[in-house]
Amino acid sequence: MLHAEDLPLEEIDRLGERVMHAVNEKRATWRHWNLAAEASRQTMHLRFASAEDREAVVGLVVDAAERASLQITPPELASIPIPFR
């Protein structure tokens, strides 16, 4: 059984690349949730010690896939204070 910290960062990055390429084969554009669904599929074969470990690894893989992706949506230049939303 794996714990989240058992997977080396190189493996996380490799999984992130695979996730990004798999989503790229199906879609022209994608969002965080598309990557999360594919990361869950790609890590399904791994046996984790707990659901928290699985969620942590999927989150790390999604972060790696987002870093490997080209963002076409510009980031917010300024945040809107909560009272004005």
PDB file of N, CA and C in Angstrom:
ATOM      1  N   MET A   1       0.843  -1.176   0.000  1.00  0.00           N
ATOM      2  CA  MET A   1       0.000   0.000   0.000  1.00  0.00           C
ATOM      3  C   MET A   1       0.889   1.241   0.000  1.00  0.00           C
ATOM      4  N   LEU A   2       0.522   2.191  -0.853  1.00  0.00           N
ATOM      5  CA  LEU A   2       1.307   3.412  -1.005  1.00  0.00           C
ATOM      6  C   LEU A   2       0.774   4.547  -0.139  1.00  0.00           C
ATOM      7  N   HIS A   3       1.694   5.370   0.289  1.00  0.00           N
ATOM      8  CA  HIS A   3       1.353   6.635   0.921  1.00  0.00           C
ATOM      9  C   HIS A   3       1.721   7.725  -0.079  1.00  0.00           C
ATOM     10  N   ALA A   4       1.131   8.884   0.051  1.00  0.00           N
ATOM     11  CA  ALA A   4       1.367   9.972  -0.899  1.00  0.00           C
ATOM     12  C   ALA A   4       2.853  10.298  -1.026  1.00  0.00           C
ATOM     13  N   GLU A   5       3.570  10.254   0.080  1.00  0.00           N
ATOM     14  CA  GLU A   5       4.987  10.620   0.042  1.00  0.00           C
ATOM     15  C   GLU A   5       5.881   9.516  -0.535  1.00  0.00           C
ATOM     16  N   ASP A   6       5.317   8.347  -0.827  1.00  0.00           N
ATOM     17  CA  ASP A   6       6.096   7.245  -1.393  1.00  0.00           C
ATOM     18  C   ASP A   6       6.435   7.452  -2.868  1.00  0.00           C
ATOM     19  N   LEU A   7       5.646   8.236  -3.580  1.00  0.00           N
ATOM     20  CA  LEU A   7       5.897   8.456  -5.000  1.00  0.00           C
ATOM     21  C   LEU A   7       6.906   9.587  -5.171  1.00  0.00           C
ATOM     22  N   PRO A   8       7.999   9.332  -5.883  1.00  0.00           N
ATOM     23  CA  PRO A   8       8.986  10.394  -6.098  1.00  0.00           C
ATOM     24  C   PRO A   8       8.417  11.488  -7.009  1.00  0.00           C
ATOM     25  N   LEU A   9       8.946  12.701  -6.865  1.00  0.00           N
ATOM     26  CA  LEU A   9       8.456  13.833  -7.655  1.00  0.00           C
ATOM     27  C   LEU A   9       8.629  13.601  -9.156  1.00  0.00           C
ATOM     28  N   GLU A  10       9.662  12.866  -9.535  1.00  0.00           N
ATOM     29  CA  GLU A  10       9.864  12.570 -10.960  1.00  0.00           C
ATOM     30  C   GLU A  10       8.700  11.747 -11.517  1.00  0.00           C
ATOM     31  N   GLU A  11       8.208  10.808 -10.718  1.00  0.00           N
ATOM     32  CA  GLU A  11       7.072   9.983 -11.130  1.00  0.00           C
ATOM     33  C   GLU A  11       5.800  10.828 -11.212  1.00  0.00           C
ATOM     34  N   ILE A  12       5.619  11.740 -10.271  1.00  0.00           N
ATOM     35  CA  ILE A  12       4.468  12.647 -10.292  1.00  0.00           C
ATOM     36  C   ILE A  12       4.504  13.481 -11.573  1.00  0.00           C
ATOM     37  N   ASP A  13       5.673  14.028 -11.913  1.00  0.00           N
ATOM     38  CA  ASP A  13       5.814  14.826 -13.130  1.00  0.00           C
ATOM     39  C   ASP A  13       5.554  13.986 -14.373  1.00  0.00           C
ATOM     40  N   ARG A  14       6.037  12.758 -14.368  1.00  0.00           N
ATOM     41  CA  ARG A  14       5.824  11.857 -15.510  1.00  0.00           C
ATOM     42  C   ARG A  14       4.332  11.557 -15.672  1.00  0.00           C
ATOM     43  N   LEU A  15       3.651  11.297 -14.559  1.00  0.00           N
ATOM     44  CA  LEU A  15       2.200  11.067 -14.616  1.00  0.00           C
ATOM     45  C   LEU A  15       1.469  12.318 -15.086  1.00  0.00           C
ATOM     46  N   GLY A  16       1.911  13.487 -14.638  1.00  0.00           N
ATOM     47  CA  GLY A  16       1.298  14.737 -15.081  1.00  0.00           C
ATOM     48  C   GLY A  16       1.409  14.926 -16.584  1.00  0.00           C
ATOM     49  N   GLU A  17       2.562  14.605 -17.139  1.00  0.00           N
ATOM     50  CA  GLU A  17       2.755  14.684 -18.598  1.00  0.00           C
ATOM     51  C   GLU A  17       1.806  13.721 -19.323  1.00  0.00           C
ATOM     52  N   ARG A  18       1.717  12.490 -18.802  1.00  0.00           N
ATOM     53  CA  ARG A  18       0.824  11.502 -19.426  1.00  0.00           C
ATOM     54  C   ARG A  18      -0.628  11.957 -19.360  1.00  0.00           C
ATOM     55  N   VAL A  19      -1.019  12.525 -18.234  1.00  0.00           N
ATOM     56  CA  VAL A  19      -2.394  13.021 -18.068  1.00  0.00           C
ATOM     57  C   VAL A  19      -2.656  14.132 -19.079  1.00  0.00           C
ATOM     58  N   MET A  20      -1.739  15.090 -19.176  1.00  0.00           N
ATOM     59  CA  MET A  20      -1.919  16.200 -20.105  1.00  0.00           C
ATOM     60  C   MET A  20      -2.014  15.705 -21.544  1.00  0.00           C
ATOM     61  N   HIS A  21      -1.166  14.765 -21.921  1.00  0.00           N
ATOM     62  CA  HIS A  21      -1.207  14.234 -23.291  1.00  0.00           C
ATOM     63  C   HIS A  21      -2.500  13.457 -23.550  1.00  0.00           C
ATOM     64  N   ALA A  22      -2.969  12.703 -22.572  1.00  0.00           N
ATOM     65  CA  ALA A  22      -4.218  11.947 -22.744  1.00  0.00           C
ATOM     66  C   ALA A  22      -5.405  12.893 -22.924  1.00  0.00           C
ATOM     67  N   VAL A  23      -5.459  13.954 -22.132  1.00  0.00           N
ATOM     68  CA  VAL A  23      -6.559  14.918 -22.259  1.00  0.00           C
ATOM     69  C   VAL A  23      -6.438  15.661 -23.577  1.00  0.00           C
ATOM     70  N   ASN A  24      -5.214  15.961 -23.987  1.00  0.00           N
ATOM     71  CA  ASN A  24      -4.976  16.655 -25.253  1.00  0.00           C
ATOM     72  C   ASN A  24      -5.463  15.834 -26.450  1.00  0.00           C
ATOM     73  N   GLU A  25      -5.402  14.509 -26.351  1.00  0.00           N
ATOM     74  CA  GLU A  25      -5.886  13.651 -27.440  1.00  0.00           C
ATOM     75  C   GLU A  25      -7.401  13.738 -27.607  1.00  0.00           C
ATOM     76  N   LYS A  26      -8.118  14.049 -26.512  1.00  0.00           N
ATOM     77  CA  LYS A  26      -9.580  14.056 -26.525  1.00  0.00           C
ATOM     78  C   LYS A  26     -10.178  15.440 -26.700  1.00  0.00           C
ATOM     79  N   ARG A  27      -9.448  16.492 -26.296  1.00  0.00           N
ATOM     80  CA  ARG A  27     -10.028  17.830 -26.240  1.00  0.00           C
ATOM     81  C   ARG A  27      -9.036  18.859 -26.777  1.00  0.00           C
ATOM     82  N   ALA A  28      -9.578  19.926 -27.358  1.00  0.00           N
ATOM     83  CA  ALA A  28      -8.733  21.035 -27.807  1.00  0.00           C
ATOM     84  C   ALA A  28      -8.376  21.936 -26.628  1.00  0.00           C
ATOM     85  N   THR A  29      -9.303  22.093 -25.698  1.00  0.00           N
ATOM     86  CA  THR A  29      -9.051  22.857 -24.478  1.00  0.00           C
ATOM     87  C   THR A  29      -9.547  22.045 -23.302  1.00  0.00           C
ATOM     88  N   TRP A  30      -9.016  22.328 -22.142  1.00  0.00           N
ATOM     89  CA  TRP A  30      -9.448  21.585 -20.960  1.00  0.00           C
ATOM     90  C   TRP A  30      -9.348  22.457 -19.726  1.00  0.00           C
ATOM     91  N   ARG A  31     -10.003  21.993 -18.705  1.00  0.00           N
ATOM     92  CA  ARG A  31     -10.019  22.684 -17.422  1.00  0.00           C
ATOM     93  C   ARG A  31      -9.452  21.767 -16.349  1.00  0.00           C
ATOM     94  N   HIS A  32      -9.342  22.320 -15.171  1.00  0.00           N
ATOM     95  CA  HIS A  32      -8.817  21.581 -14.021  1.00  0.00           C
ATOM     96  C   HIS A  32      -9.534  20.244 -13.846  1.00  0.00           C
ATOM     97  N   TRP A  33     -10.851  20.252 -13.976  1.00  0.00           N
ATOM     98  CA  TRP A  33     -11.638  19.037 -13.712  1.00  0.00           C
ATOM     99  C   TRP A  33     -11.405  17.959 -14.758  1.00  0.00           C
ATOM    100  N   ASN A  34     -11.104  18.363 -16.018  1.00  0.00           N
ATOM    101  CA  ASN A  34     -10.756  17.370 -17.033  1.00  0.00           C
ATOM    102  C   ASN A  34      -9.456  16.662 -16.656  1.00  0.00           C
ATOM    103  N   LEU A  35      -8.486  17.447 -16.168  1.00  0.00           N
ATOM    104  CA  LEU A  35      -7.212  16.861 -15.744  1.00  0.00           C
ATOM    105  C   LEU A  35      -7.392  15.980 -14.512  1.00  0.00           C
ATOM    106  N   ALA A  36      -8.254  16.413 -13.583  1.00  0.00           N
ATOM    107  CA  ALA A  36      -8.484  15.626 -12.362  1.00  0.00           C
ATOM    108  C   ALA A  36      -9.116  14.274 -12.698  1.00  0.00           C
ATOM    109  N   ALA A  37     -10.069  14.273 -13.627  1.00  0.00           N
ATOM    110  CA  ALA A  37     -10.710  13.013 -14.009  1.00  0.00           C
ATOM    111  C   ALA A  37      -9.701  12.070 -14.652  1.00  0.00           C
ATOM    112  N   GLU A  38      -8.862  12.606 -15.528  1.00  0.00           N
ATOM    113  CA  GLU A  38      -7.860  11.755 -16.181  1.00  0.00           C
ATOM    114  C   GLU A  38      -6.797  11.296 -15.184  1.00  0.00           C
ATOM    115  N   ALA A  39      -6.400  12.156 -14.256  1.00  0.00           N
ATOM    116  CA  ALA A  39      -5.426  11.762 -13.235  1.00  0.00           C
ATOM    117  C   ALA A  39      -5.995  10.634 -12.379  1.00  0.00           C
ATOM    118  N   SER A  40      -7.269  10.694 -12.065  1.00  0.00           N
ATOM    119  CA  SER A  40      -7.902   9.607 -11.308  1.00  0.00           C
ATOM    120  C   SER A  40      -7.868   8.311 -12.101  1.00  0.00           C
ATOM    121  N   ARG A  41      -8.144   8.388 -13.412  1.00  0.00           N
ATOM    122  CA  ARG A  41      -8.086   7.189 -14.256  1.00  0.00           C
ATOM    123  C   ARG A  41      -6.672   6.628 -14.322  1.00  0.00           C
ATOM    124  N   GLN A  42      -5.692   7.503 -14.478  1.00  0.00           N
ATOM    125  CA  GLN A  42      -4.305   7.054 -14.653  1.00  0.00           C
ATOM    126  C   GLN A  42      -3.698   6.486 -13.364  1.00  0.00           C
ATOM    127  N   THR A  43      -4.260   6.837 -12.219  1.00  0.00           N
ATOM    128  CA  THR A  43      -3.728   6.326 -10.950  1.00  0.00           C
ATOM    129  C   THR A  43      -4.622   5.255 -10.337  1.00  0.00           C
ATOM    130  N   MET A  44      -5.641   4.847 -11.052  1.00  0.00           N
ATOM    131  CA  MET A  44      -6.599   3.867 -10.539  1.00  0.00           C
ATOM    132  C   MET A  44      -5.932   2.541 -10.160  1.00  0.00           C
ATOM    133  N   HIS A  45      -4.887   2.170 -10.884  1.00  0.00           N
ATOM    134  CA  HIS A  45      -4.233   0.883 -10.639  1.00  0.00           C
ATOM    135  C   HIS A  45      -3.358   0.895  -9.379  1.00  0.00           C
ATOM    136  N   LEU A  46      -3.067   2.063  -8.851  1.00  0.00           N
ATOM    137  CA  LEU A  46      -2.225   2.160  -7.660  1.00  0.00           C
ATOM    138  C   LEU A  46      -3.054   1.923  -6.405  1.00  0.00           C
ATOM    139  N   ARG A  47      -2.509   1.191  -5.472  1.00  0.00           N
ATOM    140  CA  ARG A  47      -3.196   0.884  -4.204  1.00  0.00           C
ATOM    141  C   ARG A  47      -2.645   1.810  -3.131  1.00  0.00           C
ATOM    142  N   PHE A  48      -3.498   2.668  -2.613  1.00  0.00           N
ATOM    143  CA  PHE A  48      -3.078   3.624  -1.587  1.00  0.00           C
ATOM    144  C   PHE A  48      -3.552   3.172  -0.217  1.00  0.00           C
ATOM    145  N   ALA A  49      -2.839   3.642   0.796  1.00  0.00           N
ATOM    146  CA  ALA A  49      -3.165   3.275   2.170  1.00  0.00           C
ATOM    147  C   ALA A  49      -4.469   3.917   2.624  1.00  0.00           C
ATOM    148  N   SER A  50      -4.805   5.083   2.059  1.00  0.00           N
ATOM    149  CA  SER A  50      -6.034   5.765   2.465  1.00  0.00           C
ATOM    150  C   SER A  50      -6.564   6.610   1.319  1.00  0.00           C
ATOM    151  N   ALA A  51      -7.805   7.028   1.455  1.00  0.00           N
ATOM    152  CA  ALA A  51      -8.410   7.914   0.456  1.00  0.00           C
ATOM    153  C   ALA A  51      -7.687   9.260   0.434  1.00  0.00           C
ATOM    154  N   GLU A  52      -7.206   9.693   1.580  1.00  0.00           N
ATOM    155  CA  GLU A  52      -6.473  10.959   1.652  1.00  0.00           C
ATOM    156  C   GLU A  52      -5.177  10.891   0.852  1.00  0.00           C
ATOM    157  N   ASP A  53      -4.487   9.748   0.909  1.00  0.00           N
ATOM    158  CA  ASP A  53      -3.270   9.568   0.119  1.00  0.00           C
ATOM    159  C   ASP A  53      -3.596   9.615  -1.369  1.00  0.00           C
ATOM    160  N   ARG A  54      -4.678   8.959  -1.782  1.00  0.00           N
ATOM    161  CA  ARG A  54      -5.082   8.983  -3.194  1.00  0.00           C
ATOM    162  C   ARG A  54      -5.387  10.408  -3.636  1.00  0.00           C
ATOM    163  N   GLU A  55      -6.162  11.123  -2.837  1.00  0.00           N
ATOM    164  CA  GLU A  55      -6.525  12.503  -3.188  1.00  0.00           C
ATOM    165  C   GLU A  55      -5.295  13.397  -3.277  1.00  0.00           C
ATOM    166  N   ALA A  56      -4.342  13.201  -2.370  1.00  0.00           N
ATOM    167  CA  ALA A  56      -3.119  14.006  -2.394  1.00  0.00           C
ATOM    168  C   ALA A  56      -2.320  13.750  -3.668  1.00  0.00           C
ATOM    169  N   VAL A  57      -2.182  12.486  -4.049  1.00  0.00           N
ATOM    170  CA  VAL A  57      -1.424  12.152  -5.257  1.00  0.00           C
ATOM    171  C   VAL A  57      -2.143  12.669  -6.500  1.00  0.00           C
ATOM    172  N   VAL A  58      -3.448  12.492  -6.574  1.00  0.00           N
ATOM    173  CA  VAL A  58      -4.203  13.008  -7.727  1.00  0.00           C
ATOM    174  C   VAL A  58      -4.020  14.521  -7.809  1.00  0.00           C
ATOM    175  N   GLY A  59      -4.067  15.216  -6.689  1.00  0.00           N
ATOM    176  CA  GLY A  59      -3.855  16.660  -6.683  1.00  0.00           C
ATOM    177  C   GLY A  59      -2.470  17.042  -7.183  1.00  0.00           C
ATOM    178  N   LEU A  60      -1.452  16.303  -6.755  1.00  0.00           N
ATOM    179  CA  LEU A  60      -0.090  16.574  -7.227  1.00  0.00           C
ATOM    180  C   LEU A  60       0.049  16.315  -8.722  1.00  0.00           C
ATOM    181  N   VAL A  61      -0.583  15.246  -9.218  1.00  0.00           N
ATOM    182  CA  VAL A  61      -0.531  14.919 -10.643  1.00  0.00           C
ATOM    183  C   VAL A  61      -1.248  16.004 -11.452  1.00  0.00           C
ATOM    184  N   VAL A  62      -2.385  16.467 -10.964  1.00  0.00           N
ATOM    185  CA  VAL A  62      -3.117  17.539 -11.656  1.00  0.00           C
ATOM    186  C   VAL A  62      -2.267  18.808 -11.697  1.00  0.00           C
ATOM    187  N   ASP A  63      -1.613  19.133 -10.598  1.00  0.00           N
ATOM    188  CA  ASP A  63      -0.729  20.310 -10.583  1.00  0.00           C
ATOM    189  C   ASP A  63       0.381  20.166 -11.624  1.00  0.00           C
ATOM    190  N   ALA A  64       0.960  18.975 -11.715  1.00  0.00           N
ATOM    191  CA  ALA A  64       2.017  18.729 -12.702  1.00  0.00           C
ATOM    192  C   ALA A  64       1.466  18.834 -14.127  1.00  0.00           C
ATOM    193  N   ALA A  65       0.255  18.330 -14.348  1.00  0.00           N
ATOM    194  CA  ALA A  65      -0.362  18.414 -15.677  1.00  0.00           C
ATOM    195  C   ALA A  65      -0.676  19.862 -16.032  1.00  0.00           C
ATOM    196  N   GLU A  66      -1.111  20.649 -15.061  1.00  0.00           N
ATOM    197  CA  GLU A  66      -1.373  22.064 -15.323  1.00  0.00           C
ATOM    198  C   GLU A  66      -0.082  22.802 -15.657  1.00  0.00           C
ATOM    199  N   ARG A  67       1.011  22.474 -14.988  1.00  0.00           N
ATOM    200  CA  ARG A  67       2.306  23.095 -15.310  1.00  0.00           C
ATOM    201  C   ARG A  67       2.760  22.720 -16.714  1.00  0.00           C
ATOM    202  N   ALA A  68       2.420  21.517 -17.161  1.00  0.00           N
ATOM    203  CA  ALA A  68       2.815  21.056 -18.497  1.00  0.00           C
ATOM    204  C   ALA A  68       1.901  21.608 -19.587  1.00  0.00           C
ATOM    205  N   SER A  69       0.776  22.185 -19.199  1.00  0.00           N
ATOM    206  CA  SER A  69      -0.202  22.708 -20.158  1.00  0.00           C
ATOM    207  C   SER A  69       0.093  24.165 -20.488  1.00  0.00           C
ATOM    208  N   LEU A  70      -0.357  24.566 -21.648  1.00  0.00           N
ATOM    209  CA  LEU A  70      -0.272  25.964 -22.052  1.00  0.00           C
ATOM    210  C   LEU A  70      -1.560  26.657 -21.637  1.00  0.00           C
ATOM    211  N   GLN A  71      -1.455  27.680 -20.793  1.00  0.00           N
ATOM    212  CA  GLN A  71      -2.654  28.392 -20.357  1.00  0.00           C
ATOM    213  C   GLN A  71      -2.989  29.467 -21.369  1.00  0.00           C
ATOM    214  N   ILE A  72      -4.256  29.463 -21.826  1.00  0.00           N
ATOM    215  CA  ILE A  72      -4.685  30.495 -22.763  1.00  0.00           C
ATOM    216  C   ILE A  72      -5.585  31.533 -22.094  1.00  0.00           C
ATOM    217  N   THR A  73      -6.012  31.250 -20.873  1.00  0.00           N
ATOM    218  CA  THR A  73      -6.807  32.204 -20.112  1.00  0.00           C
ATOM    219  C   THR A  73      -5.867  33.048 -19.269  1.00  0.00           C
ATOM    220  N   PRO A  74      -5.898  34.361 -19.442  1.00  0.00           N
ATOM    221  CA  PRO A  74      -4.981  35.188 -18.648  1.00  0.00           C
ATOM    222  C   PRO A  74      -5.373  35.184 -17.176  1.00  0.00           C
ATOM    223  N   PRO A  75      -4.403  35.316 -16.304  1.00  0.00           N
ATOM    224  CA  PRO A  75      -4.713  35.366 -14.875  1.00  0.00           C
ATOM    225  C   PRO A  75      -5.380  36.689 -14.519  1.00  0.00           C
ATOM    226  N   GLU A  76      -6.083  36.704 -13.396  1.00  0.00           N
ATOM    227  CA  GLU A  76      -6.689  37.949 -12.931  1.00  0.00           C
ATOM    228  C   GLU A  76      -5.583  38.932 -12.585  1.00  0.00           C
ATOM    229  N   LEU A  77      -5.743  40.185 -13.009  1.00  0.00           N
ATOM    230  CA  LEU A  77      -4.742  41.203 -12.699  1.00  0.00           C
ATOM    231  C   LEU A  77      -4.919  41.743 -11.286  1.00  0.00           C
ATOM    232  N   ALA A  78      -6.162  41.768 -10.849  1.00  0.00           N
ATOM    233  CA  ALA A  78      -6.439  42.262  -9.493  1.00  0.00           C
ATOM    234  C   ALA A  78      -7.629  41.471  -8.966  1.00  0.00           C
ATOM    235  N   SER A  79      -7.625  41.215  -7.679  1.00  0.00           N
ATOM    236  CA  SER A  79      -8.743  40.493  -7.092  1.00  0.00           C
ATOM    237  C   SER A  79      -9.832  41.497  -6.692  1.00  0.00           C
ATOM    238  N   ILE A  80     -11.058  41.030  -6.726  1.00  0.00           N
ATOM    239  CA  ILE A  80     -12.207  41.851  -6.324  1.00  0.00           C
ATOM    240  C   ILE A  80     -12.481  41.561  -4.858  1.00  0.00           C
ATOM    241  N   PRO A  81     -12.498  42.604  -4.016  1.00  0.00           N
ATOM    242  CA  PRO A  81     -12.789  42.363  -2.605  1.00  0.00           C
ATOM    243  C   PRO A  81     -14.159  41.706  -2.425  1.00  0.00           C
ATOM    244  N   ILE A  82     -14.253  40.819  -1.452  1.00  0.00           N
ATOM    245  CA  ILE A  82     -15.475  40.053  -1.217  1.00  0.00           C
ATOM    246  C   ILE A  82     -16.717  40.937  -1.065  1.00  0.00           C
ATOM    247  N   PRO A  83     -16.659  42.064  -0.339  1.00  0.00           N
ATOM    248  CA  PRO A  83     -17.879  42.884  -0.206  1.00  0.00           C
ATOM    249  C   PRO A  83     -18.414  43.423  -1.536  1.00  0.00           C
ATOM    250  N   PHE A  84     -17.564  43.533  -2.567  1.00  0.00           N
ATOM    251  CA  PHE A  84     -17.984  44.065  -3.847  1.00  0.00           C
ATOM    252  C   PHE A  84     -18.437  42.987  -4.830  1.00  0.00           C
ATOM    253  N   ARG A  85     -18.332  41.720  -4.443  1.00  0.00           N
ATOM    254  CA  ARG A  85     -18.745  40.647  -5.355  1.00  0.00           C
ATOM    255  C   ARG A  85     -20.230  40.449  -5.320  1.00  0.00           C
TER     256      ARG A  85
END
